[in-house]
mmCIF file of all heavy atoms, coordinates in Angstrom:
data_MODEL
# 
_entry.id   MODEL 
# 
loop_
_atom_site.group_PDB 
_atom_site.id 
_atom_site.type_symbol 
_atom_site.label_atom_id 
_atom_site.label_alt_id 
_atom_site.label_comp_id 
_atom_site.label_asym_id 
_atom_site.label_entity_id 
_atom_site.label_seq_id 
_atom_site.pdbx_PDB_ins_code 
_atom_site.Cartn_x 
_atom_site.Cartn_y 
_atom_site.Cartn_z 
_atom_site.occupancy 
_atom_site.B_iso_or_equiv 
_atom_site.pdbx_formal_charge 
_atom_site.auth_seq_id 
_atom_site.auth_comp_id 
_atom_site.auth_asym_id 
_atom_site.auth_atom_id 
_atom_site.pdbx_PDB_model_num 
ATOM 1   N N   . TYR A 1 1  ? 0.834   -1.209  0.000   1.00 0.00 ? 1  TYR A N   1 
ATOM 2   C CA  . TYR A 1 1  ? 0.000   0.000   0.000   1.00 0.00 ? 1  TYR A CA  1 
ATOM 3   C C   . TYR A 1 1  ? 0.867   1.257   0.000   1.00 0.00 ? 1  TYR A C   1 
ATOM 4   O O   . TYR A 1 1  ? 0.612   2.210   -0.750  1.00 0.00 ? 1  TYR A O   1 
ATOM 5   C CB  . TYR A 1 1  ? -0.909  -0.022  1.222   1.00 0.00 ? 1  TYR A CB  1 
ATOM 6   C CG  . TYR A 1 1  ? -1.746  1.223   1.381   1.00 0.00 ? 1  TYR A CG  1 
ATOM 7   C CD1 . TYR A 1 1  ? -2.839  1.457   0.551   1.00 0.00 ? 1  TYR A CD1 1 
ATOM 8   C CD2 . TYR A 1 1  ? -1.435  2.180   2.358   1.00 0.00 ? 1  TYR A CD2 1 
ATOM 9   C CE1 . TYR A 1 1  ? -3.612  2.600   0.690   1.00 0.00 ? 1  TYR A CE1 1 
ATOM 10  C CE2 . TYR A 1 1  ? -2.197  3.317   2.496   1.00 0.00 ? 1  TYR A CE2 1 
ATOM 11  C CZ  . TYR A 1 1  ? -3.280  3.532   1.663   1.00 0.00 ? 1  TYR A CZ  1 
ATOM 12  O OH  . TYR A 1 1  ? -4.033  4.673   1.803   1.00 0.00 ? 1  TYR A OH  1 
ATOM 13  N N   . ASN A 1 2  ? 1.915   1.252   0.814   1.00 0.00 ? 2  ASN A N   1 
ATOM 14  C CA  . ASN A 1 2  ? 2.774   2.440   0.892   1.00 0.00 ? 2  ASN A CA  1 
ATOM 15  C C   . ASN A 1 2  ? 3.570   2.653   -0.388  1.00 0.00 ? 2  ASN A C   1 
ATOM 16  O O   . ASN A 1 2  ? 3.797   3.793   -0.796  1.00 0.00 ? 2  ASN A O   1 
ATOM 17  C CB  . ASN A 1 2  ? 3.721   2.308   2.093   1.00 0.00 ? 2  ASN A CB  1 
ATOM 18  C CG  . ASN A 1 2  ? 3.000   2.500   3.414   1.00 0.00 ? 2  ASN A CG  1 
ATOM 19  O OD1 . ASN A 1 2  ? 2.054   3.289   3.506   1.00 0.00 ? 2  ASN A OD1 1 
ATOM 20  N ND2 . ASN A 1 2  ? 3.409   1.760   4.438   1.00 0.00 ? 2  ASN A ND2 1 
ATOM 21  N N   . ILE A 1 3  ? 3.960   1.551   -1.028  1.00 0.00 ? 3  ILE A N   1 
ATOM 22  C CA  . ILE A 1 3  ? 4.618   1.693   -2.328  1.00 0.00 ? 3  ILE A CA  1 
ATOM 23  C C   . ILE A 1 3  ? 3.664   2.325   -3.326  1.00 0.00 ? 3  ILE A C   1 
ATOM 24  O O   . ILE A 1 3  ? 4.026   3.233   -4.086  1.00 0.00 ? 3  ILE A O   1 
ATOM 25  C CB  . ILE A 1 3  ? 5.111   0.324   -2.826  1.00 0.00 ? 3  ILE A CB  1 
ATOM 26  C CG1 . ILE A 1 3  ? 6.250   -0.188  -1.951  1.00 0.00 ? 3  ILE A CG1 1 
ATOM 27  C CG2 . ILE A 1 3  ? 5.561   0.403   -4.291  1.00 0.00 ? 3  ILE A CG2 1 
ATOM 28  C CD1 . ILE A 1 3  ? 6.619   -1.636  -2.209  1.00 0.00 ? 3  ILE A CD1 1 
ATOM 29  N N   . ALA A 1 4  ? 2.417   1.849   -3.332  1.00 0.00 ? 4  ALA A N   1 
ATOM 30  C CA  . ALA A 1 4  ? 1.422   2.392   -4.264  1.00 0.00 ? 4  ALA A CA  1 
ATOM 31  C C   . ALA A 1 4  ? 1.176   3.882   -4.021  1.00 0.00 ? 4  ALA A C   1 
ATOM 32  O O   . ALA A 1 4  ? 1.038   4.656   -4.979  1.00 0.00 ? 4  ALA A O   1 
ATOM 33  C CB  . ALA A 1 4  ? 0.118   1.608   -4.145  1.00 0.00 ? 4  ALA A CB  1 
ATOM 34  N N   . ARG A 1 5  ? 1.134   4.274   -2.777  1.00 0.00 ? 5  ARG A N   1 
ATOM 35  C CA  . ARG A 1 5  ? 0.855   5.685   -2.456  1.00 0.00 ? 5  ARG A CA  1 
ATOM 36  C C   . ARG A 1 5  ? 1.873   6.624   -3.074  1.00 0.00 ? 5  ARG A C   1 
ATOM 37  O O   . ARG A 1 5  ? 1.539   7.756   -3.466  1.00 0.00 ? 5  ARG A O   1 
ATOM 38  C CB  . ARG A 1 5  ? 0.842   5.874   -0.942  1.00 0.00 ? 5  ARG A CB  1 
ATOM 39  C CG  . ARG A 1 5  ? -0.379  5.306   -0.243  1.00 0.00 ? 5  ARG A CG  1 
ATOM 40  C CD  . ARG A 1 5  ? -0.214  5.440   1.266   1.00 0.00 ? 5  ARG A CD  1 
ATOM 41  N NE  . ARG A 1 5  ? -0.027  6.827   1.665   1.00 0.00 ? 5  ARG A NE  1 
ATOM 42  C CZ  . ARG A 1 5  ? 0.706   7.241   2.709   1.00 0.00 ? 5  ARG A CZ  1 
ATOM 43  N NH1 . ARG A 1 5  ? 1.346   6.337   3.437   1.00 0.00 ? 5  ARG A NH1 1 
ATOM 44  N NH2 . ARG A 1 5  ? 0.793   8.513   3.003   1.00 0.00 ? 5  ARG A NH2 1 
ATOM 45  N N   . PHE A 1 6  ? 3.120   6.176   -3.145  1.00 0.00 ? 6  PHE A N   1 
ATOM 46  C CA  . PHE A 1 6  ? 4.193   7.067   -3.587  1.00 0.00 ? 6  PHE A CA  1 
ATOM 47  C C   . PHE A 1 6  ? 4.723   6.732   -4.977  1.00 0.00 ? 6  PHE A C   1 
ATOM 48  O O   . PHE A 1 6  ? 5.763   7.235   -5.383  1.00 0.00 ? 6  PHE A O   1 
ATOM 49  C CB  . PHE A 1 6  ? 5.335   7.041   -2.561  1.00 0.00 ? 6  PHE A CB  1 
ATOM 50  C CG  . PHE A 1 6  ? 4.923   7.555   -1.213  1.00 0.00 ? 6  PHE A CG  1 
ATOM 51  C CD1 . PHE A 1 6  ? 4.690   6.684   -0.160  1.00 0.00 ? 6  PHE A CD1 1 
ATOM 52  C CD2 . PHE A 1 6  ? 4.732   8.914   -1.000  1.00 0.00 ? 6  PHE A CD2 1 
ATOM 53  C CE1 . PHE A 1 6  ? 4.289   7.154   1.082   1.00 0.00 ? 6  PHE A CE1 1 
ATOM 54  C CE2 . PHE A 1 6  ? 4.330   9.391   0.234   1.00 0.00 ? 6  PHE A CE2 1 
ATOM 55  C CZ  . PHE A 1 6  ? 4.114   8.509   1.278   1.00 0.00 ? 6  PHE A CZ  1 
ATOM 56  N N   . THR A 1 7  ? 3.986   5.891   -5.692  1.00 0.00 ? 7  THR A N   1 
ATOM 57  C CA  . THR A 1 7  ? 4.356   5.550   -7.067  1.00 0.00 ? 7  THR A CA  1 
ATOM 58  C C   . THR A 1 7  ? 3.591   6.448   -8.035  1.00 0.00 ? 7  THR A C   1 
ATOM 59  O O   . THR A 1 7  ? 2.453   6.838   -7.776  1.00 0.00 ? 7  THR A O   1 
ATOM 60  C CB  . THR A 1 7  ? 4.016   4.072   -7.352  1.00 0.00 ? 7  THR A CB  1 
ATOM 61  O OG1 . THR A 1 7  ? 4.793   3.249   -6.484  1.00 0.00 ? 7  THR A OG1 1 
ATOM 62  C CG2 . THR A 1 7  ? 4.326   3.699   -8.788  1.00 0.00 ? 7  THR A CG2 1 
ATOM 63  N N   . ALA A 1 8  ? 4.213   6.768   -9.137  1.00 0.00 ? 8  ALA A N   1 
ATOM 64  C CA  . ALA A 1 8  ? 3.553   7.620   -10.135 1.00 0.00 ? 8  ALA A CA  1 
ATOM 65  C C   . ALA A 1 8  ? 2.347   6.908   -10.728 1.00 0.00 ? 8  ALA A C   1 
ATOM 66  O O   . ALA A 1 8  ? 2.305   5.681   -10.836 1.00 0.00 ? 8  ALA A O   1 
ATOM 67  C CB  . ALA A 1 8  ? 4.550   7.965   -11.235 1.00 0.00 ? 8  ALA A CB  1 
ATOM 68  N N   . GLU A 1 9  ? 1.350   7.693   -11.102 1.00 0.00 ? 9  GLU A N   1 
ATOM 69  C CA  . GLU A 1 9  ? 0.170   7.115   -11.738 1.00 0.00 ? 9  GLU A CA  1 
ATOM 70  C C   . GLU A 1 9  ? 0.525   6.528   -13.097 1.00 0.00 ? 9  GLU A C   1 
ATOM 71  O O   . GLU A 1 9  ? 1.394   7.021   -13.811 1.00 0.00 ? 9  GLU A O   1 
ATOM 72  C CB  . GLU A 1 9  ? -0.914  8.178   -11.908 1.00 0.00 ? 9  GLU A CB  1 
ATOM 73  C CG  . GLU A 1 9  ? -1.598  8.573   -10.613 1.00 0.00 ? 9  GLU A CG  1 
ATOM 74  C CD  . GLU A 1 9  ? -2.883  9.351   -10.860 1.00 0.00 ? 9  GLU A CD  1 
ATOM 75  O OE1 . GLU A 1 9  ? -3.188  9.604   -12.043 1.00 0.00 ? 9  GLU A OE1 1 
ATOM 76  O OE2 . GLU A 1 9  ? -3.565  9.685   -9.878  1.00 0.00 ? 9  GLU A OE2 1 
ATOM 77  N N   . ASP A 1 10 ? -0.165  5.451   -13.437 1.00 0.00 ? 10 ASP A N   1 
ATOM 78  C CA  . ASP A 1 10 ? 0.031   4.777   -14.719 1.00 0.00 ? 10 ASP A CA  1 
ATOM 79  C C   . ASP A 1 10 ? -1.354  4.430   -15.252 1.00 0.00 ? 10 ASP A C   1 
ATOM 80  O O   . ASP A 1 10 ? -2.100  3.662   -14.644 1.00 0.00 ? 10 ASP A O   1 
ATOM 81  C CB  . ASP A 1 10 ? 0.864   3.513   -14.527 1.00 0.00 ? 10 ASP A CB  1 
ATOM 82  C CG  . ASP A 1 10 ? 1.228   2.839   -15.838 1.00 0.00 ? 10 ASP A CG  1 
ATOM 83  O OD1 . ASP A 1 10 ? 0.516   3.043   -16.835 1.00 0.00 ? 10 ASP A OD1 1 
ATOM 84  O OD2 . ASP A 1 10 ? 2.224   2.093   -15.863 1.00 0.00 ? 10 ASP A OD2 1 
ATOM 85  N N   . SER A 1 11 ? -1.710  4.999   -16.385 1.00 0.00 ? 11 SER A N   1 
ATOM 86  C CA  . SER A 1 11 ? -3.067  4.826   -16.912 1.00 0.00 ? 11 SER A CA  1 
ATOM 87  C C   . SER A 1 11 ? -3.399  3.371   -17.241 1.00 0.00 ? 11 SER A C   1 
ATOM 88  O O   . SER A 1 11 ? -4.571  2.991   -17.308 1.00 0.00 ? 11 SER A O   1 
ATOM 89  C CB  . SER A 1 11 ? -3.245  5.683   -18.170 1.00 0.00 ? 11 SER A CB  1 
ATOM 90  O OG  . SER A 1 11 ? -2.320  5.298   -19.176 1.00 0.00 ? 11 SER A OG  1 
ATOM 91  N N   . ALA A 1 12 ? -2.390  2.522   -17.423 1.00 0.00 ? 12 ALA A N   1 
ATOM 92  C CA  . ALA A 1 12 ? -2.631  1.116   -17.756 1.00 0.00 ? 12 ALA A CA  1 
ATOM 93  C C   . ALA A 1 12 ? -2.701  0.231   -16.521 1.00 0.00 ? 12 ALA A C   1 
ATOM 94  O O   . ALA A 1 12 ? -3.018  -0.958  -16.629 1.00 0.00 ? 12 ALA A O   1 
ATOM 95  C CB  . ALA A 1 12 ? -1.536  0.606   -18.691 1.00 0.00 ? 12 ALA A CB  1 
ATOM 96  N N   . ALA A 1 13 ? -2.421  0.785   -15.343 1.00 0.00 ? 13 ALA A N   1 
ATOM 97  C CA  . ALA A 1 13 ? -2.407  -0.020  -14.119 1.00 0.00 ? 13 ALA A CA  1 
ATOM 98  C C   . ALA A 1 13 ? -3.827  -0.389  -13.702 1.00 0.00 ? 13 ALA A C   1 
ATOM 99  O O   . ALA A 1 13 ? -4.784  0.340   -13.972 1.00 0.00 ? 13 ALA A O   1 
ATOM 100 C CB  . ALA A 1 13 ? -1.707  0.739   -13.008 1.00 0.00 ? 13 ALA A CB  1 
ATOM 101 N N   . GLY A 1 14 ? -3.956  -1.509  -13.024 1.00 0.00 ? 14 GLY A N   1 
ATOM 102 C CA  . GLY A 1 14 ? -5.253  -1.928  -12.502 1.00 0.00 ? 14 GLY A CA  1 
ATOM 103 C C   . GLY A 1 14 ? -5.514  -3.394  -12.734 1.00 0.00 ? 14 GLY A C   1 
ATOM 104 O O   . GLY A 1 14 ? -4.841  -4.063  -13.527 1.00 0.00 ? 14 GLY A O   1 
ATOM 105 N N   . LEU A 1 15 ? -6.507  -3.919  -12.025 1.00 0.00 ? 15 LEU A N   1 
ATOM 106 C CA  . LEU A 1 15 ? -6.914  -5.306  -12.215 1.00 0.00 ? 15 LEU A CA  1 
ATOM 107 C C   . LEU A 1 15 ? -7.494  -5.509  -13.614 1.00 0.00 ? 15 LEU A C   1 
ATOM 108 O O   . LEU A 1 15 ? -7.899  -4.542  -14.279 1.00 0.00 ? 15 LEU A O   1 
ATOM 109 C CB  . LEU A 1 15 ? -7.959  -5.690  -11.167 1.00 0.00 ? 15 LEU A CB  1 
ATOM 110 C CG  . LEU A 1 15 ? -7.470  -5.796  -9.713  1.00 0.00 ? 15 LEU A CG  1 
ATOM 111 C CD1 . LEU A 1 15 ? -8.651  -6.125  -8.800  1.00 0.00 ? 15 LEU A CD1 1 
ATOM 112 C CD2 . LEU A 1 15 ? -6.380  -6.844  -9.583  1.00 0.00 ? 15 LEU A CD2 1 
ATOM 113 N N   . PRO A 1 16 ? -7.552  -6.732  -14.083 1.00 0.00 ? 16 PRO A N   1 
ATOM 114 C CA  . PRO A 1 16 ? -8.147  -7.003  -15.393 1.00 0.00 ? 16 PRO A CA  1 
ATOM 115 C C   . PRO A 1 16 ? -9.615  -6.563  -15.448 1.00 0.00 ? 16 PRO A C   1 
ATOM 116 O O   . PRO A 1 16 ? -10.284 -6.396  -14.422 1.00 0.00 ? 16 PRO A O   1 
ATOM 117 C CB  . PRO A 1 16 ? -8.033  -8.525  -15.527 1.00 0.00 ? 16 PRO A CB  1 
ATOM 118 C CG  . PRO A 1 16 ? -6.897  -8.903  -14.631 1.00 0.00 ? 16 PRO A CG  1 
ATOM 119 C CD  . PRO A 1 16 ? -6.974  -7.944  -13.478 1.00 0.00 ? 16 PRO A CD  1 
ATOM 120 N N   . ASP A 1 17 ? -10.114 -6.369  -16.660 1.00 0.00 ? 17 ASP A N   1 
ATOM 121 C CA  . ASP A 1 17 ? -11.525 -6.040  -16.844 1.00 0.00 ? 17 ASP A CA  1 
ATOM 122 C C   . ASP A 1 17 ? -12.390 -7.202  -16.366 1.00 0.00 ? 17 ASP A C   1 
ATOM 123 O O   . ASP A 1 17 ? -12.042 -8.379  -16.526 1.00 0.00 ? 17 ASP A O   1 
ATOM 124 C CB  . ASP A 1 17 ? -11.816 -5.767  -18.322 1.00 0.00 ? 17 ASP A CB  1 
ATOM 125 C CG  . ASP A 1 17 ? -11.027 -4.569  -18.848 1.00 0.00 ? 17 ASP A CG  1 
ATOM 126 O OD1 . ASP A 1 17 ? -10.687 -3.682  -18.034 1.00 0.00 ? 17 ASP A OD1 1 
ATOM 127 O OD2 . ASP A 1 17 ? -10.732 -4.547  -20.057 1.00 0.00 ? 17 ASP A OD2 1 
ATOM 128 N N   . ASP A 1 18 ? -13.544 -6.873  -15.777 1.00 0.00 ? 18 ASP A N   1 
ATOM 129 C CA  . ASP A 1 18 ? -14.402 -7.897  -15.174 1.00 0.00 ? 18 ASP A CA  1 
ATOM 130 C C   . ASP A 1 18 ? -14.799 -8.996  -16.158 1.00 0.00 ? 18 ASP A C   1 
ATOM 131 O O   . ASP A 1 18 ? -14.937 -10.163 -15.772 1.00 0.00 ? 18 ASP A O   1 
ATOM 132 C CB  . ASP A 1 18 ? -15.668 -7.253  -14.595 1.00 0.00 ? 18 ASP A CB  1 
ATOM 133 C CG  . ASP A 1 18 ? -15.378 -6.463  -13.322 1.00 0.00 ? 18 ASP A CG  1 
ATOM 134 O OD1 . ASP A 1 18 ? -14.257 -6.595  -12.793 1.00 0.00 ? 18 ASP A OD1 1 
ATOM 135 O OD2 . ASP A 1 18 ? -16.268 -5.723  -12.872 1.00 0.00 ? 18 ASP A OD2 1 
ATOM 136 N N   . ASP A 1 19 ? -14.995 -8.656  -17.423 1.00 0.00 ? 19 ASP A N   1 
ATOM 137 C CA  . ASP A 1 19 ? -15.472 -9.655  -18.386 1.00 0.00 ? 19 ASP A CA  1 
ATOM 138 C C   . ASP A 1 19 ? -14.377 -10.600 -18.874 1.00 0.00 ? 19 ASP A C   1 
ATOM 139 O O   . ASP A 1 19 ? -14.646 -11.498 -19.671 1.00 0.00 ? 19 ASP A O   1 
ATOM 140 C CB  . ASP A 1 19 ? -16.144 -8.972  -19.573 1.00 0.00 ? 19 ASP A CB  1 
ATOM 141 C CG  . ASP A 1 19 ? -15.198 -8.078  -20.362 1.00 0.00 ? 19 ASP A CG  1 
ATOM 142 O OD1 . ASP A 1 19 ? -14.056 -7.834  -19.885 1.00 0.00 ? 19 ASP A OD1 1 
ATOM 143 O OD2 . ASP A 1 19 ? -15.566 -7.626  -21.463 1.00 0.00 ? 19 ASP A OD2 1 
ATOM 144 N N   . THR A 1 20 ? -13.139 -10.413 -18.404 1.00 0.00 ? 20 THR A N   1 
ATOM 145 C CA  . THR A 1 20 ? -12.055 -11.292 -18.846 1.00 0.00 ? 20 THR A CA  1 
ATOM 146 C C   . THR A 1 20 ? -11.732 -12.400 -17.842 1.00 0.00 ? 20 THR A C   1 
ATOM 147 O O   . THR A 1 20 ? -11.009 -13.335 -18.173 1.00 0.00 ? 20 THR A O   1 
ATOM 148 C CB  . THR A 1 20 ? -10.772 -10.488 -19.112 1.00 0.00 ? 20 THR A CB  1 
ATOM 149 O OG1 . THR A 1 20 ? -10.291 -9.915  -17.884 1.00 0.00 ? 20 THR A OG1 1 
ATOM 150 C CG2 . THR A 1 20 ? -11.013 -9.391  -20.127 1.00 0.00 ? 20 THR A CG2 1 
ATOM 151 N N   . PHE A 1 21 ? -12.253 -12.308 -16.627 1.00 0.00 ? 21 PHE A N   1 
ATOM 152 C CA  . PHE A 1 21 ? -11.932 -13.307 -15.610 1.00 0.00 ? 21 PHE A CA  1 
ATOM 153 C C   . PHE A 1 21 ? -12.540 -14.669 -15.948 1.00 0.00 ? 21 PHE A C   1 
ATOM 154 O O   . PHE A 1 21 ? -13.655 -14.751 -16.486 1.00 0.00 ? 21 PHE A O   1 
ATOM 155 C CB  . PHE A 1 21 ? -12.449 -12.870 -14.232 1.00 0.00 ? 21 PHE A CB  1 
ATOM 156 C CG  . PHE A 1 21 ? -11.677 -11.729 -13.628 1.00 0.00 ? 21 PHE A CG  1 
ATOM 157 C CD1 . PHE A 1 21 ? -12.321 -10.540 -13.308 1.00 0.00 ? 21 PHE A CD1 1 
ATOM 158 C CD2 . PHE A 1 21 ? -10.324 -11.846 -13.367 1.00 0.00 ? 21 PHE A CD2 1 
ATOM 159 C CE1 . PHE A 1 21 ? -11.622 -9.481  -12.749 1.00 0.00 ? 21 PHE A CE1 1 
ATOM 160 C CE2 . PHE A 1 21 ? -9.622  -10.798 -12.807 1.00 0.00 ? 21 PHE A CE2 1 
ATOM 161 C CZ  . PHE A 1 21 ? -10.261 -9.608  -12.498 1.00 0.00 ? 21 PHE A CZ  1 
ATOM 162 N N   . GLU A 1 22 ? -11.808 -15.718 -15.597 1.00 0.00 ? 22 GLU A N   1 
ATOM 163 C CA  . GLU A 1 22 ? -12.338 -17.071 -15.730 1.00 0.00 ? 22 GLU A CA  1 
ATOM 164 C C   . GLU A 1 22 ? -13.112 -17.393 -14.456 1.00 0.00 ? 22 GLU A C   1 
ATOM 165 O O   . GLU A 1 22 ? -12.520 -17.772 -13.441 1.00 0.00 ? 22 GLU A O   1 
ATOM 166 C CB  . GLU A 1 22 ? -11.199 -18.065 -15.944 1.00 0.00 ? 22 GLU A CB  1 
ATOM 167 C CG  . GLU A 1 22 ? -11.639 -19.511 -16.056 1.00 0.00 ? 22 GLU A CG  1 
ATOM 168 C CD  . GLU A 1 22 ? -12.697 -19.735 -17.111 1.00 0.00 ? 22 GLU A CD  1 
ATOM 169 O OE1 . GLU A 1 22 ? -12.335 -19.956 -18.280 1.00 0.00 ? 22 GLU A OE1 1 
ATOM 170 O OE2 . GLU A 1 22 ? -13.895 -19.665 -16.748 1.00 0.00 ? 22 GLU A OE2 1 
ATOM 171 N N   . ARG A 1 23 ? -14.424 -17.231 -14.494 1.00 0.00 ? 23 ARG A N   1 
ATOM 172 C CA  . ARG A 1 23 ? -15.243 -17.390 -13.292 1.00 0.00 ? 23 ARG A CA  1 
ATOM 173 C C   . ARG A 1 23 ? -15.539 -18.852 -12.965 1.00 0.00 ? 23 ARG A C   1 
ATOM 174 O O   . ARG A 1 23 ? -15.930 -19.160 -11.839 1.00 0.00 ? 23 ARG A O   1 
ATOM 175 C CB  . ARG A 1 23 ? -16.565 -16.636 -13.469 1.00 0.00 ? 23 ARG A CB  1 
ATOM 176 C CG  . ARG A 1 23 ? -16.405 -15.144 -13.734 1.00 0.00 ? 23 ARG A CG  1 
ATOM 177 C CD  . ARG A 1 23 ? -15.957 -14.400 -12.492 1.00 0.00 ? 23 ARG A CD  1 
ATOM 178 N NE  . ARG A 1 23 ? -15.885 -12.948 -12.719 1.00 0.00 ? 23 ARG A NE  1 
ATOM 179 C CZ  . ARG A 1 23 ? -15.544 -12.059 -11.792 1.00 0.00 ? 23 ARG A CZ  1 
ATOM 180 N NH1 . ARG A 1 23 ? -15.258 -12.479 -10.572 1.00 0.00 ? 23 ARG A NH1 1 
ATOM 181 N NH2 . ARG A 1 23 ? -15.498 -10.773 -12.088 1.00 0.00 ? 23 ARG A NH2 1 
ATOM 182 N N   . ALA A 1 24 ? -15.371 -19.727 -13.933 1.00 0.00 ? 24 ALA A N   1 
ATOM 183 C CA  . ALA A 1 24 ? -15.643 -21.154 -13.690 1.00 0.00 ? 24 ALA A CA  1 
ATOM 184 C C   . ALA A 1 24 ? -14.461 -21.978 -14.195 1.00 0.00 ? 24 ALA A C   1 
ATOM 185 O O   . ALA A 1 24 ? -14.549 -22.658 -15.228 1.00 0.00 ? 24 ALA A O   1 
ATOM 186 C CB  . ALA A 1 24 ? -16.936 -21.578 -14.379 1.00 0.00 ? 24 ALA A CB  1 
ATOM 187 N N   . PRO A 1 25 ? -13.327 -21.921 -13.498 1.00 0.00 ? 25 PRO A N   1 
ATOM 188 C CA  . PRO A 1 25 ? -12.124 -22.634 -13.954 1.00 0.00 ? 25 PRO A CA  1 
ATOM 189 C C   . PRO A 1 25 ? -12.366 -24.125 -14.109 1.00 0.00 ? 25 PRO A C   1 
ATOM 190 O O   . PRO A 1 25 ? -13.013 -24.758 -13.271 1.00 0.00 ? 25 PRO A O   1 
ATOM 191 C CB  . PRO A 1 25 ? -11.103 -22.359 -12.836 1.00 0.00 ? 25 PRO A CB  1 
ATOM 192 C CG  . PRO A 1 25 ? -11.595 -21.112 -12.158 1.00 0.00 ? 25 PRO A CG  1 
ATOM 193 C CD  . PRO A 1 25 ? -13.089 -21.183 -12.238 1.00 0.00 ? 25 PRO A CD  1 
ATOM 194 N N   . ARG A 1 26 ? -11.880 -24.691 -15.180 1.00 0.00 ? 26 ARG A N   1 
ATOM 195 C CA  . ARG A 1 26 ? -12.059 -26.120 -15.439 1.00 0.00 ? 26 ARG A CA  1 
ATOM 196 C C   . ARG A 1 26 ? -10.907 -26.928 -14.844 1.00 0.00 ? 26 ARG A C   1 
ATOM 197 O O   . ARG A 1 26 ? -9.805  -26.414 -14.638 1.00 0.00 ? 26 ARG A O   1 
ATOM 198 C CB  . ARG A 1 26 ? -12.171 -26.361 -16.947 1.00 0.00 ? 26 ARG A CB  1 
ATOM 199 C CG  . ARG A 1 26 ? -10.939 -25.990 -17.734 1.00 0.00 ? 26 ARG A CG  1 
ATOM 200 C CD  . ARG A 1 26 ? -11.224 -25.938 -19.233 1.00 0.00 ? 26 ARG A CD  1 
ATOM 201 N NE  . ARG A 1 26 ? -11.852 -24.670 -19.592 1.00 0.00 ? 26 ARG A NE  1 
ATOM 202 C CZ  . ARG A 1 26 ? -12.255 -24.371 -20.831 1.00 0.00 ? 26 ARG A CZ  1 
ATOM 203 N NH1 . ARG A 1 26 ? -12.143 -25.264 -21.795 1.00 0.00 ? 26 ARG A NH1 1 
ATOM 204 N NH2 . ARG A 1 26 ? -12.796 -23.199 -21.093 1.00 0.00 ? 26 ARG A NH2 1 
ATOM 205 N N   . ASP A 1 27 ? -11.179 -28.198 -14.576 1.00 0.00 ? 27 ASP A N   1 
ATOM 206 C CA  . ASP A 1 27 ? -10.164 -29.109 -14.051 1.00 0.00 ? 27 ASP A CA  1 
ATOM 207 C C   . ASP A 1 27 ? -9.392  -29.705 -15.228 1.00 0.00 ? 27 ASP A C   1 
ATOM 208 O O   . ASP A 1 27 ? -9.965  -30.419 -16.058 1.00 0.00 ? 27 ASP A O   1 
ATOM 209 C CB  . ASP A 1 27 ? -10.830 -30.217 -13.238 1.00 0.00 ? 27 ASP A CB  1 
ATOM 210 C CG  . ASP A 1 27 ? -9.825  -31.219 -12.658 1.00 0.00 ? 27 ASP A CG  1 
ATOM 211 O OD1 . ASP A 1 27 ? -8.610  -30.984 -12.798 1.00 0.00 ? 27 ASP A OD1 1 
ATOM 212 O OD2 . ASP A 1 27 ? -10.268 -32.221 -12.076 1.00 0.00 ? 27 ASP A OD2 1 
# 
């Protein structure tokens, strides 16, 4: 958290888009 607070903003940073997650992973 402290690293994030003092790191420069990056427009590409962030978690993946919600529609890309594998919500039902297969075995």
